[in-house]
Amino acid sequence: MARAEITAAAAPAPVPMNAFWRTIRSYILWQHERGTLHYDIMVTIILIFIFLSPRLINFNDKPVPRDPHPTEVVVTADAEGHLVYQVAASAVTTGDDRSIRDQLLRIIEPISGAVSIVSYEAVSDHKGKVQSYKVLAKRE
């Protein structure tokens, strides 16, 4: 009689890439306990991403630069509740009454909308030089 030999086929050695993808999968699924080496590696990778990505990736989240209004208008309320606009004299060129009113109106309207000037007065320093204009305006 012939003897039959049974040989067990040895399982192939695990491919190193298989272990690599298993580790990546465990990182993605967050399968490691706190305090282990793999947990610390995951946290380090996240922190590196958080601190380096703003420098490396353009997120287009910069604030829009605003140019300040060149006329420096201060708005206050008087005793009756009307709005009084104080406009710097440097924003207005000297001229006749109509020209000054038109210039003041062009300065005030972008701030308050459609208004008409009721009155205005020049505010002078002790030498008589005009420093600003106080304008009382009403909405149309």
N, C-alpha and C. Protein backbone atom coordinates (compact mmCIF):
# COMPACT_ATOMS: atom_id res chain seq x y z
N MET A 1 0.77 -1.14 0.00
CA MET A 1 0.00 0.00 0.00
C MET A 1 0.84 1.25 0.00
N ALA A 2 0.33 2.15 -0.71
CA ALA A 2 1.07 3.39 -0.79
C ALA A 2 0.63 4.32 0.33
N ARG A 3 1.58 4.88 0.81
CA ARG A 3 1.30 5.81 1.90
C ARG A 3 0.97 7.19 1.36
N ALA A 4 -0.07 7.72 1.84
CA ALA A 4 -0.44 9.08 1.42
C ALA A 4 0.04 10.05 2.48
N GLU A 5 0.71 10.99 2.02
CA GLU A 5 1.18 12.00 2.96
C GLU A 5 0.31 13.24 2.81
N ILE A 6 -0.07 13.72 3.91
CA ILE A 6 -0.86 14.95 3.92
C ILE A 6 0.06 16.09 4.35
N THR A 7 0.14 17.01 3.49
CA THR A 7 0.97 18.16 3.84
C THR A 7 0.07 19.40 3.93
N ALA A 8 0.29 20.11 4.94
CA ALA A 8 -0.49 21.35 5.12
C ALA A 8 0.25 22.48 4.43
N ALA A 9 -0.49 23.17 3.62
CA ALA A 9 0.12 24.30 2.94
C ALA A 9 0.28 25.44 3.94
N ALA A 10 1.44 25.95 4.00
CA ALA A 10 1.71 27.06 4.93
C ALA A 10 1.03 28.33 4.42
N ALA A 11 0.44 29.05 5.34
CA ALA A 11 -0.22 30.31 4.97
C ALA A 11 0.85 31.30 4.53
N PRO A 12 0.54 32.05 3.47
CA PRO A 12 1.54 33.01 3.02
C PRO A 12 1.79 34.08 4.08
N ALA A 13 3.00 34.53 4.14
CA ALA A 13 3.36 35.57 5.11
C ALA A 13 2.57 36.83 4.78
N PRO A 14 2.11 37.55 5.81
CA PRO A 14 1.32 38.75 5.55
C PRO A 14 2.17 39.78 4.79
N VAL A 15 1.52 40.37 3.82
CA VAL A 15 2.18 41.37 3.01
C VAL A 15 2.31 42.64 3.84
N PRO A 16 3.49 43.28 3.87
CA PRO A 16 3.64 44.48 4.68
C PRO A 16 2.65 45.58 4.31
N MET A 17 2.26 45.70 3.06
CA MET A 17 1.30 46.73 2.66
C MET A 17 -0.06 46.47 3.30
N ASN A 18 -0.40 45.21 3.49
CA ASN A 18 -1.66 44.88 4.13
C ASN A 18 -1.68 45.44 5.55
N ALA A 19 -0.60 45.31 6.26
CA ALA A 19 -0.51 45.83 7.63
C ALA A 19 -0.57 47.36 7.62
N PHE A 20 0.06 47.96 6.63
CA PHE A 20 0.04 49.43 6.52
C PHE A 20 -1.39 49.93 6.35
N TRP A 21 -2.15 49.33 5.43
CA TRP A 21 -3.52 49.78 5.20
C TRP A 21 -4.42 49.49 6.40
N ARG A 22 -4.12 48.42 7.10
CA ARG A 22 -4.88 48.12 8.32
C ARG A 22 -4.65 49.22 9.37
N THR A 23 -3.41 49.68 9.47
CA THR A 23 -3.10 50.76 10.41
C THR A 23 -3.78 52.06 10.00
N ILE A 24 -3.74 52.39 8.72
CA ILE A 24 -4.41 53.60 8.23
C ILE A 24 -5.90 53.52 8.50
N ARG A 25 -6.48 52.35 8.26
CA ARG A 25 -7.92 52.15 8.51
C ARG A 25 -8.24 52.34 9.99
N SER A 26 -7.37 51.84 10.86
CA SER A 26 -7.62 52.00 12.30
C SER A 26 -7.49 53.46 12.72
N TYR A 27 -6.62 54.25 12.05
CA TYR A 27 -6.53 55.68 12.34
C TYR A 27 -7.80 56.40 11.91
N ILE A 28 -8.28 56.07 10.71
CA ILE A 28 -9.48 56.73 10.20
C ILE A 28 -10.69 56.41 11.06
N LEU A 29 -10.81 55.16 11.49
CA LEU A 29 -11.94 54.75 12.32
C LEU A 29 -11.73 55.03 13.81
N TRP A 30 -10.57 55.60 14.14
CA TRP A 30 -10.24 55.99 15.52
C TRP A 30 -10.42 54.82 16.49
N GLN A 31 -9.69 53.76 16.23
CA GLN A 31 -9.86 52.52 17.00
C GLN A 31 -8.83 52.33 18.11
N HIS A 32 -8.07 53.34 18.44
CA HIS A 32 -7.03 53.18 19.45
C HIS A 32 -7.42 53.86 20.75
N GLU A 33 -6.99 53.29 21.85
CA GLU A 33 -7.29 53.83 23.16
C GLU A 33 -6.37 55.01 23.48
N ARG A 34 -6.82 55.87 24.37
CA ARG A 34 -5.98 57.00 24.79
C ARG A 34 -4.74 56.47 25.48
N GLY A 35 -3.65 57.17 25.26
CA GLY A 35 -2.41 56.80 25.93
C GLY A 35 -1.55 55.83 25.13
N THR A 36 -2.06 55.32 24.03
CA THR A 36 -1.25 54.41 23.23
C THR A 36 -0.45 55.21 22.21
N LEU A 37 0.55 54.59 21.65
CA LEU A 37 1.41 55.24 20.67
C LEU A 37 0.60 55.69 19.45
N HIS A 38 -0.28 54.83 18.98
CA HIS A 38 -1.07 55.18 17.79
C HIS A 38 -2.02 56.35 18.06
N TYR A 39 -2.59 56.43 19.25
CA TYR A 39 -3.45 57.54 19.62
C TYR A 39 -2.64 58.84 19.60
N ASP A 40 -1.46 58.82 20.19
CA ASP A 40 -0.60 60.00 20.21
C ASP A 40 -0.21 60.43 18.80
N ILE A 41 0.02 59.48 17.91
CA ILE A 41 0.35 59.80 16.52
C ILE A 41 -0.83 60.48 15.84
N MET A 42 -2.04 59.96 16.06
CA MET A 42 -3.23 60.56 15.45
C MET A 42 -3.42 62.00 15.93
N VAL A 43 -3.28 62.23 17.22
CA VAL A 43 -3.45 63.56 17.77
C VAL A 43 -2.38 64.51 17.22
N THR A 44 -1.16 64.03 17.10
CA THR A 44 -0.07 64.84 16.55
C THR A 44 -0.35 65.22 15.11
N ILE A 45 -0.84 64.29 14.32
CA ILE A 45 -1.17 64.59 12.92
C ILE A 45 -2.28 65.64 12.84
N ILE A 46 -3.27 65.53 13.70
CA ILE A 46 -4.36 66.52 13.71
C ILE A 46 -3.82 67.89 14.10
N LEU A 47 -2.98 67.97 15.12
CA LEU A 47 -2.43 69.25 15.54
C LEU A 47 -1.54 69.87 14.46
N ILE A 48 -0.75 69.05 13.79
CA ILE A 48 0.08 69.55 12.69
C ILE A 48 -0.82 70.14 11.60
N PHE A 49 -1.91 69.46 11.28
CA PHE A 49 -2.83 69.97 10.27
C PHE A 49 -3.44 71.30 10.71
N ILE A 50 -3.86 71.38 11.95
CA ILE A 50 -4.51 72.60 12.44
C ILE A 50 -3.57 73.80 12.39
N PHE A 51 -2.31 73.60 12.79
CA PHE A 51 -1.41 74.74 12.88
C PHE A 51 -0.69 75.06 11.57
N LEU A 52 -0.52 74.11 10.68
CA LEU A 52 0.20 74.37 9.45
C LEU A 52 -0.71 74.65 8.25
N SER A 53 -1.93 74.16 8.28
CA SER A 53 -2.80 74.34 7.12
C SER A 53 -3.11 75.81 6.80
N PRO A 54 -3.30 76.71 7.78
CA PRO A 54 -3.55 78.11 7.39
C PRO A 54 -2.38 78.72 6.62
N ARG A 55 -1.18 78.26 6.86
CA ARG A 55 -0.02 78.80 6.15
C ARG A 55 0.13 78.17 4.76
N LEU A 56 -0.31 76.94 4.62
CA LEU A 56 -0.09 76.22 3.37
C LEU A 56 -1.29 76.24 2.43
N ILE A 57 -2.50 76.40 2.99
CA ILE A 57 -3.72 76.36 2.19
C ILE A 57 -4.35 77.74 2.19
N ASN A 58 -4.70 78.25 1.02
CA ASN A 58 -5.35 79.55 0.92
C ASN A 58 -6.86 79.34 1.07
N PHE A 59 -7.40 79.66 2.24
CA PHE A 59 -8.82 79.47 2.50
C PHE A 59 -9.66 80.66 2.03
N ASN A 60 -9.04 81.72 1.52
CA ASN A 60 -9.72 82.94 1.07
C ASN A 60 -10.63 83.51 2.15
N ASP A 61 -10.13 83.55 3.38
CA ASP A 61 -10.94 84.05 4.49
C ASP A 61 -10.35 85.30 5.12
N LYS A 62 -9.67 86.09 4.35
CA LYS A 62 -9.10 87.33 4.85
C LYS A 62 -10.20 88.39 4.92
N PRO A 63 -10.15 89.27 5.91
CA PRO A 63 -11.18 90.32 5.98
C PRO A 63 -11.03 91.29 4.82
N VAL A 64 -12.14 91.86 4.43
CA VAL A 64 -12.15 92.82 3.34
C VAL A 64 -11.58 94.14 3.87
N PRO A 65 -10.56 94.69 3.21
CA PRO A 65 -10.01 95.96 3.71
C PRO A 65 -11.02 97.08 3.52
N ARG A 66 -11.19 97.87 4.55
CA ARG A 66 -12.13 98.99 4.48
C ARG A 66 -11.35 100.28 4.50
N ASP A 67 -11.63 101.13 3.57
CA ASP A 67 -11.03 102.46 3.58
C ASP A 67 -11.89 103.35 4.45
N PRO A 68 -11.29 104.00 5.44
CA PRO A 68 -12.10 104.89 6.27
C PRO A 68 -12.59 106.08 5.44
N HIS A 69 -13.72 106.59 5.82
CA HIS A 69 -14.28 107.74 5.10
C HIS A 69 -13.34 108.93 5.32
N PRO A 70 -12.98 109.60 4.26
CA PRO A 70 -11.97 110.66 4.39
C PRO A 70 -12.46 111.94 5.06
N THR A 71 -13.74 112.03 5.42
CA THR A 71 -14.26 113.31 5.90
C THR A 71 -14.44 113.40 7.41
N GLU A 72 -14.32 112.36 8.15
CA GLU A 72 -14.45 112.39 9.60
C GLU A 72 -15.75 113.07 10.05
N VAL A 73 -16.85 112.41 9.87
CA VAL A 73 -18.15 112.96 10.25
C VAL A 73 -18.55 112.37 11.60
N VAL A 74 -18.94 113.26 12.53
CA VAL A 74 -19.41 112.85 13.84
C VAL A 74 -20.90 113.14 13.90
N VAL A 75 -21.69 112.13 14.29
CA VAL A 75 -23.14 112.29 14.35
C VAL A 75 -23.57 112.26 15.81
N THR A 76 -24.32 113.29 16.24
CA THR A 76 -24.84 113.35 17.60
C THR A 76 -26.31 113.75 17.53
N ALA A 77 -27.01 113.58 18.64
CA ALA A 77 -28.42 113.98 18.71
C ALA A 77 -28.53 115.24 19.56
N ASP A 78 -29.40 116.16 19.15
CA ASP A 78 -29.60 117.36 19.95
C ASP A 78 -30.71 117.10 20.97
N ALA A 79 -31.09 118.13 21.73
CA ALA A 79 -32.09 117.98 22.79
C ALA A 79 -33.44 117.54 22.26
N GLU A 80 -33.77 117.92 21.03
CA GLU A 80 -35.07 117.58 20.46
C GLU A 80 -35.06 116.23 19.75
N GLY A 81 -33.90 115.59 19.69
CA GLY A 81 -33.82 114.28 19.05
C GLY A 81 -33.41 114.32 17.60
N HIS A 82 -33.15 115.51 17.06
CA HIS A 82 -32.68 115.63 15.68
C HIS A 82 -31.20 115.26 15.61
N LEU A 83 -30.78 114.76 14.47
CA LEU A 83 -29.38 114.41 14.30
C LEU A 83 -28.58 115.62 13.84
N VAL A 84 -27.45 115.83 14.51
CA VAL A 84 -26.55 116.92 14.16
C VAL A 84 -25.26 116.29 13.67
N TYR A 85 -24.85 116.69 12.48
CA TYR A 85 -23.64 116.16 11.85
C TYR A 85 -22.53 117.19 12.00
N GLN A 86 -21.39 116.74 12.48
CA GLN A 86 -20.24 117.64 12.57
C GLN A 86 -19.21 117.18 11.54
N VAL A 87 -18.95 118.04 10.57
CA VAL A 87 -18.08 117.71 9.44
C VAL A 87 -16.80 118.53 9.57
N ALA A 88 -15.65 117.87 9.40
CA ALA A 88 -14.37 118.57 9.49
C ALA A 88 -14.27 119.61 8.38
N ALA A 89 -13.69 120.76 8.71
CA ALA A 89 -13.57 121.85 7.74
C ALA A 89 -12.64 121.47 6.59
N SER A 90 -11.73 120.56 6.82
CA SER A 90 -10.80 120.15 5.75
C SER A 90 -11.52 119.42 4.62
N ALA A 91 -12.74 118.92 4.88
CA ALA A 91 -13.49 118.19 3.85
C ALA A 91 -14.30 119.14 2.96
N VAL A 92 -14.38 120.41 3.36
CA VAL A 92 -15.20 121.37 2.64
C VAL A 92 -14.31 122.53 2.18
N THR A 93 -14.41 122.86 0.92
CA THR A 93 -13.66 124.03 0.43
C THR A 93 -14.52 125.27 0.64
N THR A 94 -13.85 126.38 0.90
CA THR A 94 -14.59 127.62 1.16
C THR A 94 -15.25 128.12 -0.12
N GLY A 95 -16.32 128.80 0.05
CA GLY A 95 -17.07 129.33 -1.09
C GLY A 95 -18.33 130.02 -0.62
N ASP A 96 -19.28 130.20 -1.52
CA ASP A 96 -20.53 130.83 -1.14
C ASP A 96 -21.42 129.82 -0.40
N ASP A 97 -22.54 130.31 0.11
CA ASP A 97 -23.45 129.49 0.92
C ASP A 97 -23.94 128.26 0.16
N ARG A 98 -24.32 128.44 -1.10
CA ARG A 98 -24.85 127.32 -1.90
C ARG A 98 -23.79 126.24 -2.11
N SER A 99 -22.57 126.65 -2.38
CA SER A 99 -21.48 125.69 -2.61
C SER A 99 -21.17 124.89 -1.34
N ILE A 100 -21.16 125.58 -0.20
CA ILE A 100 -20.90 124.88 1.07
C ILE A 100 -22.02 123.91 1.38
N ARG A 101 -23.28 124.32 1.18
CA ARG A 101 -24.43 123.42 1.41
C ARG A 101 -24.34 122.18 0.52
N ASP A 102 -24.01 122.36 -0.76
CA ASP A 102 -23.89 121.21 -1.67
C ASP A 102 -22.79 120.25 -1.23
N GLN A 103 -21.65 120.79 -0.81
CA GLN A 103 -20.55 119.94 -0.35
C GLN A 103 -20.94 119.18 0.93
N LEU A 104 -21.57 119.89 1.86
CA LEU A 104 -22.00 119.23 3.10
C LEU A 104 -23.03 118.13 2.80
N LEU A 105 -23.93 118.41 1.88
CA LEU A 105 -24.94 117.42 1.51
C LEU A 105 -24.30 116.18 0.89
N ARG A 106 -23.30 116.37 0.02
CA ARG A 106 -22.60 115.23 -0.60
C ARG A 106 -21.86 114.40 0.45
N ILE A 107 -21.40 115.03 1.51
CA ILE A 107 -20.69 114.31 2.57
C ILE A 107 -21.67 113.56 3.47
N ILE A 108 -22.80 114.18 3.78
CA ILE A 108 -23.75 113.60 4.75
C ILE A 108 -24.64 112.53 4.14
N GLU A 109 -25.06 112.69 2.90
CA GLU A 109 -26.01 111.74 2.30
C GLU A 109 -25.53 110.29 2.27
N PRO A 110 -24.26 109.97 2.00
CA PRO A 110 -23.86 108.56 2.05
C PRO A 110 -24.00 107.95 3.45
N ILE A 111 -23.97 108.79 4.47
CA ILE A 111 -24.08 108.29 5.84
C ILE A 111 -25.54 108.13 6.25
N SER A 112 -26.38 109.12 5.92
CA SER A 112 -27.74 109.14 6.45
C SER A 112 -28.83 108.88 5.43
N GLY A 113 -28.50 108.81 4.17
CA GLY A 113 -29.52 108.64 3.15
C GLY A 113 -30.01 110.00 2.66
N ALA A 114 -31.19 110.02 2.06
CA ALA A 114 -31.73 111.25 1.50
C ALA A 114 -32.14 112.21 2.61
N VAL A 115 -31.44 113.35 2.69
CA VAL A 115 -31.73 114.37 3.70
C VAL A 115 -31.70 115.74 3.04
N SER A 116 -32.25 116.69 3.75
CA SER A 116 -32.10 118.09 3.32
C SER A 116 -31.53 118.86 4.51
N ILE A 117 -30.68 119.81 4.21
CA ILE A 117 -30.02 120.57 5.26
C ILE A 117 -30.95 121.68 5.73
N VAL A 118 -31.25 121.67 7.03
CA VAL A 118 -32.09 122.71 7.63
C VAL A 118 -31.23 123.93 7.91
N SER A 119 -30.09 123.71 8.56
CA SER A 119 -29.18 124.81 8.85
C SER A 119 -27.78 124.25 9.08
N TYR A 120 -26.81 125.13 8.99
CA TYR A 120 -25.45 124.74 9.34
C TYR A 120 -24.76 125.96 9.93
N GLU A 121 -23.75 125.70 10.75
CA GLU A 121 -22.97 126.80 11.31
C GLU A 121 -21.51 126.39 11.35
N ALA A 122 -20.65 127.35 11.10
CA ALA A 122 -19.22 127.10 11.14
C ALA A 122 -18.74 127.19 12.58
N VAL A 123 -17.95 126.22 13.01
CA VAL A 123 -17.37 126.21 14.35
C VAL A 123 -15.92 126.65 14.21
N SER A 124 -15.59 127.78 14.86
CA SER A 124 -14.25 128.36 14.73
C SER A 124 -13.47 128.20 16.02
N ASP A 125 -12.14 128.23 15.89
CA ASP A 125 -11.29 128.20 17.07
C ASP A 125 -11.14 129.63 17.59
N HIS A 126 -10.31 129.85 18.60
CA HIS A 126 -10.18 131.17 19.22
C HIS A 126 -9.53 132.20 18.28
N LYS A 127 -8.88 131.74 17.21
CA LYS A 127 -8.28 132.66 16.24
C LYS A 127 -9.23 133.00 15.09
N GLY A 128 -10.38 132.35 15.07
CA GLY A 128 -11.35 132.62 14.02
C GLY A 128 -11.26 131.67 12.83
N LYS A 129 -10.37 130.70 12.90
CA LYS A 129 -10.23 129.73 11.79
C LYS A 129 -11.32 128.66 11.92
N VAL A 130 -11.99 128.36 10.82
CA VAL A 130 -13.07 127.37 10.83
C VAL A 130 -12.47 125.97 11.04
N GLN A 131 -12.94 125.29 12.08
CA GLN A 131 -12.47 123.94 12.40
C GLN A 131 -13.42 122.87 11.86
N SER A 132 -14.72 123.14 11.94
CA SER A 132 -15.72 122.18 11.48
C SER A 132 -17.03 122.90 11.22
N TYR A 133 -17.96 122.12 10.69
CA TYR A 133 -19.31 122.63 10.44
C TYR A 133 -20.30 121.75 11.17
N LYS A 134 -21.23 122.40 11.91
CA LYS A 134 -22.33 121.67 12.55
C LYS A 134 -23.52 121.79 11.63
N VAL A 135 -24.05 120.65 11.22
CA VAL A 135 -25.13 120.64 10.23
C VAL A 135 -26.36 119.97 10.85
N LEU A 136 -27.50 120.67 10.81
CA LEU A 136 -28.78 120.09 11.21
C LEU A 136 -29.51 119.71 9.94
N ALA A 137 -29.81 118.42 9.80
CA ALA A 137 -30.46 117.93 8.59
C ALA A 137 -31.70 117.13 8.97
N LYS A 138 -32.68 117.13 8.07
CA LYS A 138 -33.88 116.32 8.28
C LYS A 138 -34.05 115.36 7.12
N ARG A 139 -34.63 114.23 7.40
CA ARG A 139 -34.88 113.23 6.37
C ARG A 139 -35.99 113.67 5.45
N GLU A 140 -35.83 113.31 4.19
CA GLU A 140 -36.85 113.69 3.22
C GLU A 140 -37.91 112.63 3.12
